[in-house]
C-alpha atoms as a PDB file:
ATOM      1  CA  MET A   1      19.663  60.567  53.597  1.00  0.00           C
ATOM      2  CA  ASP A   2      22.472  63.079  53.328  1.00  0.00           C
ATOM      3  CA  ASP A   3      21.452  66.674  52.538  1.00  0.00           C
ATOM      4  CA  ALA A   4      23.785  66.623  49.529  1.00  0.00           C
ATOM      5  CA  TYR A   5      21.465  64.186  47.796  1.00  0.00           C
ATOM      6  CA  VAL A   6      18.496  66.434  48.473  1.00  0.00           C
ATOM      7  CA  VAL A   7      20.138  69.395  46.711  1.00  0.00           C
ATOM      8  CA  GLY A   8      21.202  67.312  43.730  1.00  0.00           C
ATOM      9  CA  ASP A   9      24.850  66.557  44.465  1.00  0.00           C
ATOM     10  CA  PRO A  10      25.151  62.976  43.159  1.00  0.00           C
ATOM     11  CA  ASP A  11      28.439  62.105  44.858  1.00  0.00           C
ATOM     12  CA  GLY A  12      27.216  63.191  48.287  1.00  0.00           C
ATOM     13  CA  LEU A  13      30.184  65.453  48.968  1.00  0.00           C
ATOM     14  CA  SER A  14      30.043  68.978  50.283  1.00  0.00           C
ATOM     15  CA  PRO A  15      31.477  71.630  47.961  1.00  0.00           C
ATOM     16  CA  LEU A  16      34.649  71.769  50.094  1.00  0.00           C
ATOM     17  CA  GLN A  17      35.048  67.994  50.021  1.00  0.00           C
ATOM     18  CA  ALA A  18      34.581  67.975  46.256  1.00  0.00           C
ATOM     19  CA  GLU A  19      37.180  70.725  45.893  1.00  0.00           C
ATOM     20  CA  ILE A  20      39.661  68.785  48.047  1.00  0.00           C
ATOM     21  CA  ARG A  21      38.958  65.590  46.059  1.00  0.00           C
ATOM     22  CA  ASP A  22      39.577  67.462  42.818  1.00  0.00           C
ATOM     23  CA  ALA A  23      42.807  69.019  44.118  1.00  0.00           C
ATOM     24  CA  VAL A  24      44.107  65.610  45.220  1.00  0.00           C
ATOM     25  CA  ALA A  25      43.175  64.098  41.863  1.00  0.00           C
ATOM     26  CA  ARG A  26      44.923  66.918  39.967  1.00  0.00           C
ATOM     27  CA  GLU A  27      48.101  66.503  41.998  1.00  0.00           C
ATOM     28  CA  LEU A  28      48.109  62.717  41.650  1.00  0.00           C
ATOM     29  CA  HIS A  29      47.649  63.112  37.910  1.00  0.00           C
ATOM     30  CA  ALA A  30      50.554  65.570  37.779  1.00  0.00           C
ATOM     31  CA  GLN A  31      52.783  63.302  39.870  1.00  0.00           C
ATOM     32  CA  PHE A  32      52.044  60.281  37.685  1.00  0.00           C
ATOM     33  CA  ALA A  33      52.849  62.342  34.591  1.00  0.00           C
ATOM     34  CA  LEU A  34      56.128  63.545  36.107  1.00  0.00           C
ATOM     35  CA  ARG A  35      57.102  60.013  37.066  1.00  0.00           C
ATOM     36  CA  ALA A  36      56.175  58.229  33.814  1.00  0.00           C
ATOM     37  CA  ASP A  37      52.936  56.774  35.216  1.00  0.00           C
ATOM     38  CA  ARG A  38      54.732  54.992  38.021  1.00  0.00           C
ATOM     39  CA  LEU A  39      55.088  55.781  41.698  1.00  0.00           C
ATOM     40  CA  ASP A  40      57.803  54.038  43.631  1.00  0.00           C
ATOM     41  CA  LEU A  41      57.590  53.618  47.374  1.00  0.00           C
ATOM     42  CA  ALA A  42      60.476  56.072  47.761  1.00  0.00           C
ATOM     43  CA  ASP A  43      58.384  58.721  45.938  1.00  0.00           C
ATOM     44  CA  LEU A  44      55.469  58.629  48.378  1.00  0.00           C
ATOM     45  CA  PRO A  45      56.776  61.215  50.890  1.00  0.00           C
ATOM     46  CA  GLU A  46      57.256  63.793  48.104  1.00  0.00           C
ATOM     47  CA  VAL A  47      53.884  62.957  46.551  1.00  0.00           C
ATOM     48  CA  ALA A  48      52.197  63.283  49.953  1.00  0.00           C
ATOM     49  CA  TYR A  49      53.927  66.642  50.468  1.00  0.00           C
ATOM     50  CA  GLN A  50      52.723  67.952  47.102  1.00  0.00           C
ATOM     51  CA  ILE A  51      49.181  66.764  47.810  1.00  0.00           C
ATOM     52  CA  THR A  52      49.334  68.506  51.187  1.00  0.00           C
ATOM     53  CA  LEU A  53      50.274  71.751  49.432  1.00  0.00           C
ATOM     54  CA  ARG A  54      47.292  71.375  47.076  1.00  0.00           C
ATOM     55  CA  VAL A  55      44.890  70.732  49.971  1.00  0.00           C
ATOM     56  CA  ASP A  56      46.363  73.660  51.896  1.00  0.00           C
ATOM     57  CA  GLY A  57      45.728  75.817  48.849  1.00  0.00           C
ATOM     58  CA  VAL A  58      42.093  74.796  48.841  1.00  0.00           C
ATOM     59  CA  LEU A  59      41.667  75.343  52.577  1.00  0.00           C
ATOM     60  CA  THR A  60      43.326  78.755  52.563  1.00  0.00           C
ATOM     61  CA  GLY A  61      41.400  79.891  49.508  1.00  0.00           C
ATOM     62  CA  ARG A  62      44.350  80.049  47.121  1.00  0.00           C
ATOM     63  CA  GLY A  63      43.034  77.059  45.178  1.00  0.00           C
ATOM     64  CA  ARG A  64      39.599  78.627  44.762  1.00  0.00           C
ATOM     65  CA  ALA A  65      40.928  81.257  42.363  1.00  0.00           C
ATOM     66  CA  GLY A  66      42.350  78.574  40.089  1.00  0.00           C
ATOM     67  CA  GLN A  67      45.859  79.054  41.389  1.00  0.00           C
ATOM     68  CA  THR A  68      48.045  76.183  42.503  1.00  0.00           C
ATOM     69  CA  PRO A  69      50.530  76.388  45.359  1.00  0.00           C
ATOM     70  CA  ALA A  70      54.166  76.789  44.363  1.00  0.00           C
END
């Protein structure tokens, strides 16, 4: 059994993993909204870049203060 379950985290993710998951979800939501709920294959490199910026923000601590990378 994973330690996360022992301390009551139902999804089994560490706090950092949960923060990264949430950042990815926020960026995907934003990208879908910007692109009228549709992602074309040609959009994927830009979407991946924006997600990378969000994850970088989490890993460098910028995302922890509620800020999003520019």
